[in-house]
Amino acid sequence: MTGTRSQEARPQVRPGTDAGGTAEAGRTAEAEGTAEAGHTAEAEGTAEAGSSPRSEHGAPARGFRSARLGWPELHRIPHPPRRVPVLGDIANASVQSPVQDSMRIARELGPIFRRKAFDREIVFAWGADLVAELADESRFAKHVGLGVANLRPLAGDGLFTAYNHEPNWQLAHDVLAPGFSRAAMEGYHPLMLDVAGQLTAHWDESSRAGDAVDVPGDMTNLTLETIARTGFGHDFGSFERSRPHPFVTAMVGALSYAQRRNTVPPLLGPLLQRGAAKRNAADRAYLNDTVDEVVEARRGAGSSGARGDLLDRMLETAHPTTGERLSAENIRRQVVTFLVAGHETTSGALSFALHYLSRHPEVAARARAEVEDVWGDVEEPAYEQVARLRYVRRVLDESLRLWPTRHRPSPARRCATPCSAANTR
């Protein structure tokens, strides 16, 4: 894989091709940038057809709309050949590499196509231009798609998994938004430096011993410790362990279970995943218990409000207009959301960036030269110096373009009003 762009012509929307779920009010479309070397940024979107997902209480989950309920001309959207009744588009499908598989099909069928797995119809939108349209907040809104909905038993109405109509989404957003301001980031800076220092010390020790380092594993440790310490004042001691922290193991188990639910026939799921469901219940219980311990430790220390981090905001801050506060249950869900979603994709992005730097020594040399020029002889950089690393930032951006780490579940979009995409209603 290289970091260069191909001269290959980008596919255009075929005349007369309906944009399907990306364009109809109330339909779903999930946009996720996916790209590989030699190609422009690609996006993917899904819209579930068939039986609607159920809420935690068994009722149809709000925010979903089955394609069977109103895709006007779904047949106009192309799909792979050799579709099998009941099973769908399983011919030549790859469960191990679904993103690459979808990109291959996009090159064959065009930027808008559909795939079917069992009773679920999936509509994909491929290309930076289409993603830009789907990201237009004035036309499209957040939608909790199938993959994200599978995480609701764990994260409930946390920011990542909440439906737009759920009041805690807006409440948590308004309460926590100041925690991501420039002033807040500057306050987290010393903690971030300390965690980065633990990483480099670990690598120095491994180098002296002649041992190889596990880059993806260490990036997971780095980002977990960073969000845990800056957001919640908790230290998992990841760099002092020979194995991943049990929280990481439980998190990976919960995410894997949620993803596997998409590959099992709905009617056979309870039977085929009986053992996996029990393990998932244990993983969820451990994650919840860990978060409860973190919250209770803060309350028990009598230092609420002193740190000014995300947990303090959850415990002490009321909504500036309504005066409402986050409930204890929602605080747990928000902490789980940040610890899980707040570090896993970031660790992947850093791992890929280091991989590409190792493959392109001239780029690594230029990035290193910028660091030396901006930081000078100081032992640790100041907050404002980090923002001056423009070339390093471009390395990260290009790494994300070449291989985005957030493959599943995709962020979903739905029309906020009757609208169109790619000049098609």
Protein backbone atom coordinates (compact mmCIF):
# COMPACT_ATOMS: atom_id res chain seq x y z
CA MET A 1 0.00 0.00 0.00
CA THR A 2 1.25 3.46 -0.84
CA GLY A 3 0.21 6.95 0.05
CA THR A 4 -0.14 8.15 -3.53
CA ARG A 5 -3.37 8.85 -5.32
CA SER A 6 -4.25 6.88 -8.40
CA GLN A 7 -4.96 8.47 -11.76
CA GLU A 8 -7.88 6.06 -12.07
CA ALA A 9 -11.09 7.90 -12.85
CA ARG A 10 -13.49 8.18 -9.96
CA PRO A 11 -16.85 6.50 -10.55
CA GLN A 12 -19.78 8.82 -11.10
CA VAL A 13 -23.44 8.32 -10.25
CA ARG A 14 -25.07 6.48 -13.08
CA PRO A 15 -27.81 8.40 -14.89
CA GLY A 16 -31.21 7.22 -13.77
CA THR A 17 -29.86 5.40 -10.72
CA ASP A 18 -31.98 6.06 -7.66
CA ALA A 19 -30.04 7.13 -4.61
CA GLY A 20 -32.40 5.01 -2.52
CA GLY A 21 -32.04 5.38 1.21
CA THR A 22 -29.47 8.13 0.99
CA ALA A 23 -32.06 10.45 -0.46
CA GLU A 24 -35.50 9.70 0.94
CA ALA A 25 -36.99 11.34 4.00
CA GLY A 26 -37.18 8.91 6.87
CA ARG A 27 -34.89 6.40 5.17
CA THR A 28 -31.55 5.41 6.56
CA ALA A 29 -28.10 5.82 5.14
CA GLU A 30 -24.86 5.23 6.97
CA ALA A 31 -21.74 7.06 5.91
CA GLU A 32 -18.28 5.88 6.71
CA GLY A 33 -15.10 6.89 4.93
CA THR A 34 -13.13 3.91 3.74
CA ALA A 35 -10.16 4.13 1.45
CA GLU A 36 -7.09 2.26 0.43
CA ALA A 37 -3.88 3.32 -1.21
CA GLY A 38 -4.32 4.30 -4.83
CA HIS A 39 -7.95 5.29 -4.46
CA THR A 40 -9.86 8.32 -3.39
CA ALA A 41 -11.71 8.35 -0.10
CA GLU A 42 -14.63 5.96 -0.12
CA ALA A 43 -17.79 6.00 1.91
CA GLU A 44 -20.26 3.40 2.80
CA GLY A 45 -23.82 3.61 3.95
CA THR A 46 -26.32 1.06 5.08
CA ALA A 47 -30.07 0.97 5.30
CA GLU A 48 -31.75 -1.94 6.96
CA ALA A 49 -34.56 -3.74 5.25
CA GLY A 50 -36.72 -6.45 6.66
CA SER A 51 -37.82 -6.79 10.22
CA SER A 52 -37.13 -3.71 12.29
CA PRO A 53 -34.81 -4.03 15.29
CA ARG A 54 -36.48 -4.21 18.66
CA SER A 55 -36.01 -1.95 21.64
CA GLU A 56 -34.87 -3.23 25.00
CA HIS A 57 -38.54 -3.66 25.94
CA GLY A 58 -39.46 -5.64 22.83
CA ALA A 59 -41.22 -2.83 20.92
CA PRO A 60 -39.98 -1.66 17.52
CA ALA A 61 -37.08 0.68 18.15
CA ARG A 62 -37.80 4.28 17.25
CA GLY A 63 -35.42 5.75 14.72
CA PHE A 64 -35.53 2.71 12.43
CA ARG A 65 -37.44 2.51 9.21
CA SER A 66 -37.63 -0.76 7.34
CA ALA A 67 -36.85 -0.55 3.65
CA ARG A 68 -39.96 -2.62 3.06
CA LEU A 69 -42.04 0.21 4.46
CA GLY A 70 -41.16 2.73 1.85
CA TRP A 71 -38.17 2.38 -0.45
CA PRO A 72 -39.95 3.59 -3.59
CA GLU A 73 -37.79 2.01 -6.28
CA LEU A 74 -35.23 -0.17 -4.56
CA HIS A 75 -35.01 -2.38 -7.63
CA ARG A 76 -33.31 0.43 -9.53
CA ILE A 77 -30.26 0.18 -7.27
CA PRO A 78 -27.83 -2.49 -8.56
CA HIS A 79 -26.72 -5.43 -6.43
CA PRO A 80 -24.14 -8.21 -6.90
CA PRO A 81 -25.10 -11.05 -9.24
CA ARG A 82 -26.21 -14.53 -8.12
CA ARG A 83 -28.46 -13.42 -5.26
CA VAL A 84 -29.69 -16.47 -3.34
CA PRO A 85 -33.27 -16.60 -2.00
CA VAL A 86 -33.48 -16.20 1.80
CA LEU A 87 -29.68 -15.98 2.21
CA GLY A 88 -29.11 -12.99 -0.07
CA ASP A 89 -25.81 -11.89 -1.63
CA ILE A 90 -23.53 -14.53 -0.15
CA ALA A 91 -21.72 -15.45 -3.37
CA ASN A 92 -18.07 -14.35 -3.10
CA ALA A 93 -18.85 -12.43 0.10
CA SER A 94 -16.07 -12.14 2.68
CA VAL A 95 -16.96 -12.13 6.36
CA GLN A 96 -13.30 -11.61 7.31
CA SER A 97 -12.79 -8.47 5.19
CA PRO A 98 -16.22 -6.86 4.65
CA VAL A 99 -14.88 -3.37 3.97
CA GLN A 100 -12.51 -4.47 1.21
CA ASP A 101 -15.30 -6.64 -0.12
CA SER A 102 -17.69 -3.70 -0.33
CA MET A 103 -15.08 -1.53 -2.03
CA ARG A 104 -14.55 -4.24 -4.64
CA ILE A 105 -18.27 -4.37 -5.35
CA ALA A 106 -18.43 -0.57 -5.57
CA ARG A 107 -15.84 -0.60 -8.33
CA GLU A 108 -17.96 -3.09 -10.22
CA LEU A 109 -21.45 -1.64 -9.64
CA GLY A 110 -20.91 2.06 -9.11
CA PRO A 111 -21.07 4.46 -6.16
CA ILE A 112 -24.57 3.49 -5.03
CA PHE A 113 -25.40 -0.19 -4.69
CA ARG A 114 -27.09 -2.62 -2.34
CA ARG A 115 -26.33 -5.93 -0.68
CA LYS A 116 -28.62 -8.30 1.14
CA ALA A 117 -27.86 -10.60 4.07
CA PHE A 118 -30.80 -12.70 5.20
CA ASP A 119 -33.72 -10.28 5.68
CA ARG A 120 -31.60 -7.12 5.80
CA GLU A 121 -31.12 -4.98 2.71
CA ILE A 122 -28.03 -2.78 2.82
CA VAL A 123 -27.55 0.28 0.63
CA PHE A 124 -24.03 1.63 0.19
CA ALA A 125 -22.94 5.10 -0.89
CA TRP A 126 -19.32 5.25 -2.02
CA GLY A 127 -17.25 8.38 -2.63
CA ALA A 128 -16.14 11.52 -0.85
CA ASP A 129 -18.76 13.64 -2.60
CA LEU A 130 -21.62 11.45 -1.41
CA VAL A 131 -20.21 11.35 2.11
CA ALA A 132 -20.04 15.14 2.10
CA GLU A 133 -23.73 15.23 1.21
CA LEU A 134 -24.65 12.75 3.93
CA ALA A 135 -22.66 14.80 6.47
CA ASP A 136 -24.73 17.92 5.74
CA GLU A 137 -26.46 18.49 9.10
CA SER A 138 -29.09 20.72 7.51
CA ARG A 139 -30.36 17.80 5.40
CA PHE A 140 -29.36 14.62 7.22
CA ALA A 141 -29.53 13.69 10.88
CA LYS A 142 -27.92 11.06 13.07
CA HIS A 143 -29.52 7.64 12.83
CA VAL A 144 -28.89 4.68 15.12
CA GLY A 145 -28.22 1.96 12.57
CA LEU A 146 -28.28 -1.76 13.07
CA GLY A 147 -24.67 -2.20 14.21
CA VAL A 148 -24.88 0.66 16.72
CA ALA A 149 -28.24 -0.57 17.97
CA ASN A 150 -26.58 -3.86 18.90
CA LEU A 151 -24.54 -1.91 21.46
CA ARG A 152 -27.57 -0.41 23.21
CA PRO A 153 -27.82 -3.23 25.79
CA LEU A 154 -24.40 -2.03 26.94
CA ALA A 155 -24.43 1.73 26.36
CA GLY A 156 -28.16 2.46 26.36
CA ASP A 157 -28.87 6.14 25.73
CA GLY A 158 -25.24 7.17 25.91
CA LEU A 159 -24.16 9.80 23.41
CA PHE A 160 -23.04 7.28 20.79
CA THR A 161 -26.05 4.97 20.92
CA ALA A 162 -28.90 7.32 21.88
CA TYR A 163 -31.78 7.95 19.50
CA ASN A 164 -32.37 11.58 18.59
CA HIS A 165 -35.74 11.61 20.34
CA GLU A 166 -34.28 10.48 23.68
CA PRO A 167 -33.93 13.47 26.02
CA ASN A 168 -30.65 12.31 27.53
CA TRP A 169 -28.90 12.75 24.18
CA GLN A 170 -29.36 16.53 24.14
CA LEU A 171 -28.95 16.81 27.91
CA ALA A 172 -25.60 14.99 27.91
CA HIS A 173 -24.44 16.85 24.82
CA ASP A 174 -25.08 20.25 26.39
CA VAL A 175 -23.60 19.29 29.76
CA LEU A 176 -20.44 17.68 28.38
CA ALA A 177 -19.64 19.90 25.38
CA PRO A 178 -17.54 22.37 27.46
CA GLY A 179 -15.37 19.41 28.45
CA PHE A 180 -13.99 19.39 24.91
CA SER A 181 -13.20 23.09 24.61
CA ARG A 182 -9.70 24.37 23.96
CA ALA A 183 -9.33 25.36 27.61
CA ALA A 184 -10.36 21.86 28.69
CA MET A 185 -7.91 20.24 26.27
CA GLU A 186 -5.13 22.41 27.60
CA GLY A 187 -6.01 21.26 31.12
CA TYR A 188 -5.74 17.62 30.05
CA HIS A 189 -2.35 18.19 28.41
CA PRO A 190 -0.13 17.31 31.42
CA LEU A 191 -1.99 14.02 31.92
CA MET A 192 -1.65 13.17 28.24
CA LEU A 193 2.10 13.84 28.42
CA ASP A 194 2.41 11.59 31.44
CA VAL A 195 0.70 8.69 29.67
CA ALA A 196 2.85 9.24 26.57
CA GLY A 197 5.88 9.16 28.86
CA GLN A 198 4.77 5.77 30.19
CA LEU A 199 4.59 4.48 26.60
CA THR A 200 8.04 5.70 25.62
CA ALA A 201 9.55 4.39 28.86
CA HIS A 202 8.00 0.99 28.14
CA TRP A 203 9.42 1.01 24.61
CA ASP A 204 12.86 2.12 25.84
CA GLU A 205 12.92 -0.75 28.31
CA SER A 206 11.91 -3.22 25.60
CA SER A 207 14.61 -1.85 23.30
CA ARG A 208 17.31 -2.28 25.94
CA ALA A 209 16.17 -5.86 26.47
CA GLY A 210 16.15 -6.53 22.73
CA ASP A 211 12.42 -7.30 22.76
CA ALA A 212 9.91 -6.45 20.06
CA VAL A 213 6.95 -4.28 20.99
CA ASP A 214 3.28 -4.90 20.28
CA VAL A 215 2.37 -1.61 18.61
CA PRO A 216 -1.44 -2.12 18.34
CA GLY A 217 -1.58 -3.42 21.91
CA ASP A 218 0.47 -0.54 23.23
CA MET A 219 -1.63 1.99 21.31
CA THR A 220 -4.69 0.49 23.00
CA ASN A 221 -2.99 0.92 26.37
CA LEU A 222 -2.03 4.49 25.49
CA THR A 223 -5.50 5.61 24.46
CA LEU A 224 -7.34 3.75 27.24
CA GLU A 225 -5.11 5.30 29.88
CA THR A 226 -5.45 8.72 28.26
CA ILE A 227 -9.26 8.80 28.24
CA ALA A 228 -9.49 7.13 31.66
CA ARG A 229 -7.13 9.60 33.34
CA THR A 230 -8.18 12.79 31.55
CA GLY A 231 -11.89 12.05 31.61
CA PHE A 232 -12.40 10.16 34.84
CA GLY A 233 -9.24 10.36 36.95
CA HIS A 234 -8.72 6.59 36.83
CA ASP A 235 -5.48 4.72 36.20
CA PHE A 236 -5.82 1.19 34.78
CA GLY A 237 -2.07 0.59 35.12
CA SER A 238 -1.96 -0.75 31.56
CA PHE A 239 1.80 -0.37 31.09
CA GLU A 240 2.49 -2.25 34.29
CA ARG A 241 0.70 -5.37 33.07
CA SER A 242 1.99 -8.26 31.01
CA ARG A 243 -1.53 -8.90 29.68
CA PRO A 244 -4.32 -6.55 28.61
CA HIS A 245 -6.41 -5.15 31.42
CA PRO A 246 -9.60 -7.22 31.96
CA PHE A 247 -11.58 -4.13 30.98
CA VAL A 248 -10.01 -4.28 27.51
CA THR A 249 -10.74 -8.00 27.22
CA ALA A 250 -14.39 -7.47 28.21
CA MET A 251 -14.70 -4.50 25.87
CA VAL A 252 -13.37 -6.47 22.89
CA GLY A 253 -15.74 -9.30 23.76
CA ALA A 254 -18.75 -6.99 23.90
CA LEU A 255 -17.87 -5.28 20.61
CA SER A 256 -17.24 -8.59 18.86
CA TYR A 257 -20.55 -10.00 20.05
CA ALA A 258 -22.42 -6.95 18.78
CA GLN A 259 -20.76 -7.26 15.38
CA ARG A 260 -21.34 -11.02 15.10
CA ARG A 261 -25.08 -10.49 15.60
CA ASN A 262 -25.16 -8.95 12.12
CA THR A 263 -23.83 -12.14 10.49
CA VAL A 264 -26.23 -14.64 12.07
CA PRO A 265 -29.75 -15.31 10.73
CA PRO A 266 -32.13 -13.51 13.12
CA LEU A 267 -34.25 -16.58 13.80
CA LEU A 268 -31.19 -18.73 14.51
CA GLY A 269 -29.36 -16.17 16.63
CA PRO A 270 -30.68 -17.27 20.04
CA LEU A 271 -29.71 -20.87 19.27
CA LEU A 272 -26.36 -20.34 17.56
CA GLN A 273 -25.17 -17.63 19.96
CA ARG A 274 -26.35 -19.11 23.25
CA GLY A 275 -22.84 -19.54 24.61
CA ALA A 276 -21.69 -16.21 23.18
CA ALA A 277 -24.68 -14.49 24.78
CA LYS A 278 -23.67 -15.78 28.22
CA ARG A 279 -20.10 -14.55 27.73
CA ASN A 280 -21.43 -11.22 26.54
CA ALA A 281 -23.58 -10.89 29.64
CA ALA A 282 -20.50 -11.51 31.78
CA ASP A 283 -18.49 -8.95 29.76
CA ARG A 284 -21.22 -6.34 30.14
CA ALA A 285 -21.45 -6.99 33.87
CA TYR A 286 -17.69 -6.52 34.27
CA LEU A 287 -17.70 -3.28 32.27
CA ASN A 288 -20.60 -1.90 34.30
CA ASP A 289 -19.06 -2.95 37.62
CA THR A 290 -15.75 -1.32 36.68
CA VAL A 291 -17.45 1.94 35.77
CA ASP A 292 -19.52 1.87 38.96
CA GLU A 293 -16.30 1.50 40.97
CA VAL A 294 -14.75 4.50 39.20
CA VAL A 295 -17.81 6.66 39.88
CA GLU A 296 -18.13 5.57 43.51
CA ALA A 297 -14.43 6.19 44.12
CA ARG A 298 -14.88 9.78 42.96
CA ARG A 299 -17.94 10.29 45.10
CA GLY A 300 -16.31 8.61 48.10
CA ALA A 301 -13.19 10.75 47.86
CA GLY A 302 -15.30 13.86 48.43
CA SER A 303 -13.47 15.59 45.58
CA SER A 304 -16.32 15.98 43.13
CA GLY A 305 -15.91 19.17 41.16
CA ALA A 306 -12.24 19.60 42.03
CA ARG A 307 -10.79 18.01 38.90
CA GLY A 308 -13.03 19.65 36.32
CA ASP A 309 -12.94 16.57 34.10
CA LEU A 310 -15.78 14.81 32.31
CA LEU A 311 -16.81 12.80 35.35
CA ASP A 312 -17.01 15.95 37.46
CA ARG A 313 -19.24 17.52 34.84
CA MET A 314 -21.51 14.47 34.85
CA LEU A 315 -21.78 14.46 38.64
CA GLU A 316 -21.93 18.17 39.40
CA THR A 317 -23.13 20.13 36.37
CA ALA A 318 -26.76 20.92 35.65
CA HIS A 319 -28.09 21.84 32.24
CA PRO A 320 -27.55 25.61 31.80
CA THR A 321 -31.18 26.20 30.75
CA THR A 322 -33.36 23.51 32.30
CA GLY A 323 -31.35 22.74 35.42
CA GLU A 324 -31.63 19.01 34.73
CA ARG A 325 -28.85 16.64 35.78
CA LEU A 326 -27.72 13.31 34.40
CA SER A 327 -29.13 10.34 36.29
CA ALA A 328 -26.83 7.78 37.91
CA GLU A 329 -27.76 5.23 35.26
CA ASN A 330 -27.03 7.61 32.41
CA ILE A 331 -23.70 8.61 33.96
CA ARG A 332 -22.72 4.94 33.90
CA ARG A 333 -23.73 4.71 30.25
CA GLN A 334 -21.81 7.85 29.31
CA VAL A 335 -18.66 6.62 31.06
CA VAL A 336 -18.93 3.25 29.30
CA THR A 337 -19.40 5.08 26.00
CA PHE A 338 -16.31 7.23 26.46
CA LEU A 339 -14.10 4.42 27.71
CA VAL A 340 -15.12 2.05 24.91
CA ALA A 341 -15.78 4.32 21.93
CA GLY A 342 -13.34 6.96 23.12
CA HIS A 343 -10.18 4.92 22.75
CA GLU A 344 -10.63 1.91 20.48
CA THR A 345 -10.69 3.67 17.11
CA THR A 346 -8.01 6.16 18.15
CA SER A 347 -5.61 3.34 18.97
CA GLY A 348 -6.24 1.88 15.53
CA ALA A 349 -5.57 5.21 13.84
CA LEU A 350 -2.26 5.62 15.67
CA SER A 351 -1.25 2.05 14.85
CA PHE A 352 -1.86 2.55 11.14
CA ALA A 353 -0.05 5.91 11.17
CA LEU A 354 3.04 4.27 12.68
CA HIS A 355 2.74 1.42 10.17
CA TYR A 356 2.71 3.81 7.22
CA LEU A 357 5.60 5.81 8.67
CA SER A 358 7.63 2.61 8.95
CA ARG A 359 6.92 1.91 5.26
CA HIS A 360 7.87 5.42 4.17
CA PRO A 361 11.11 6.46 5.91
CA GLU A 362 11.29 9.75 3.99
CA VAL A 363 7.93 10.78 5.46
CA ALA A 364 9.03 9.66 8.93
CA ALA A 365 12.22 11.74 8.58
CA ARG A 366 10.26 14.84 7.63
CA ALA A 367 7.85 14.35 10.54
CA ARG A 368 10.75 13.88 12.95
CA ALA A 369 12.43 17.04 11.62
CA GLU A 370 9.25 19.03 12.24
CA VAL A 371 9.05 17.76 15.82
CA GLU A 372 12.67 18.73 16.48
CA ASP A 373 12.15 22.15 14.91
CA VAL A 374 8.94 22.96 16.81
CA TRP A 375 9.91 21.51 20.18
CA GLY A 376 13.55 22.51 20.21
CA ASP A 377 15.47 21.40 23.27
CA VAL A 378 12.54 21.23 25.69
CA GLU A 379 11.98 17.95 27.50
CA GLU A 380 8.19 18.12 27.12
CA PRO A 381 6.20 20.20 24.62
CA ALA A 382 3.78 22.90 25.69
CA TYR A 383 0.15 22.59 24.64
CA GLU A 384 0.42 25.28 21.97
CA GLN A 385 3.46 23.59 20.43
CA VAL A 386 1.48 20.44 19.64
CA ALA A 387 -0.91 22.46 17.47
CA ARG A 388 2.06 23.66 15.41
CA LEU A 389 2.89 20.14 14.22
CA ARG A 390 1.14 20.67 10.89
CA TYR A 391 2.98 17.98 8.92
CA VAL A 392 2.45 15.39 11.65
CA ARG A 393 -1.26 16.22 11.54
CA ARG A 394 -1.27 15.66 7.77
CA VAL A 395 0.36 12.26 8.34
CA LEU A 396 -2.50 11.31 10.65
CA ASP A 397 -5.09 12.65 8.20
CA GLU A 398 -3.57 10.70 5.31
CA SER A 399 -3.40 7.53 7.42
CA LEU A 400 -7.10 7.87 8.16
CA ARG A 401 -7.83 8.41 4.47
CA LEU A 402 -5.86 5.32 3.52
CA TRP A 403 -7.32 3.14 6.23
CA PRO A 404 -10.09 4.51 8.46
CA THR A 405 -10.31 2.48 11.63
CA ARG A 406 -14.02 2.88 12.30
CA HIS A 407 -15.32 0.16 10.00
CA ARG A 408 -18.12 -1.28 12.06
CA PRO A 409 -20.60 -0.18 13.14
CA SER A 410 -21.00 2.63 10.62
CA PRO A 411 -22.33 6.04 11.60
CA ALA A 412 -25.86 6.16 10.22
CA ARG A 413 -27.65 9.07 8.61
CA ARG A 414 -31.28 9.71 7.73
CA CYS A 415 -33.03 12.54 5.92
CA ALA A 416 -34.17 15.25 8.30
CA THR A 417 -36.58 16.51 5.60
CA PRO A 418 -37.46 15.27 2.11
CA CYS A 419 -34.17 15.60 0.29
CA SER A 420 -31.92 14.19 -2.40
CA ALA A 421 -28.37 12.96 -2.77
CA ALA A 422 -26.21 12.95 -5.89
CA ASN A 423 -28.91 15.02 -7.63
CA THR A 424 -31.36 12.16 -7.16
CA ARG A 425 -34.39 12.24 -4.88
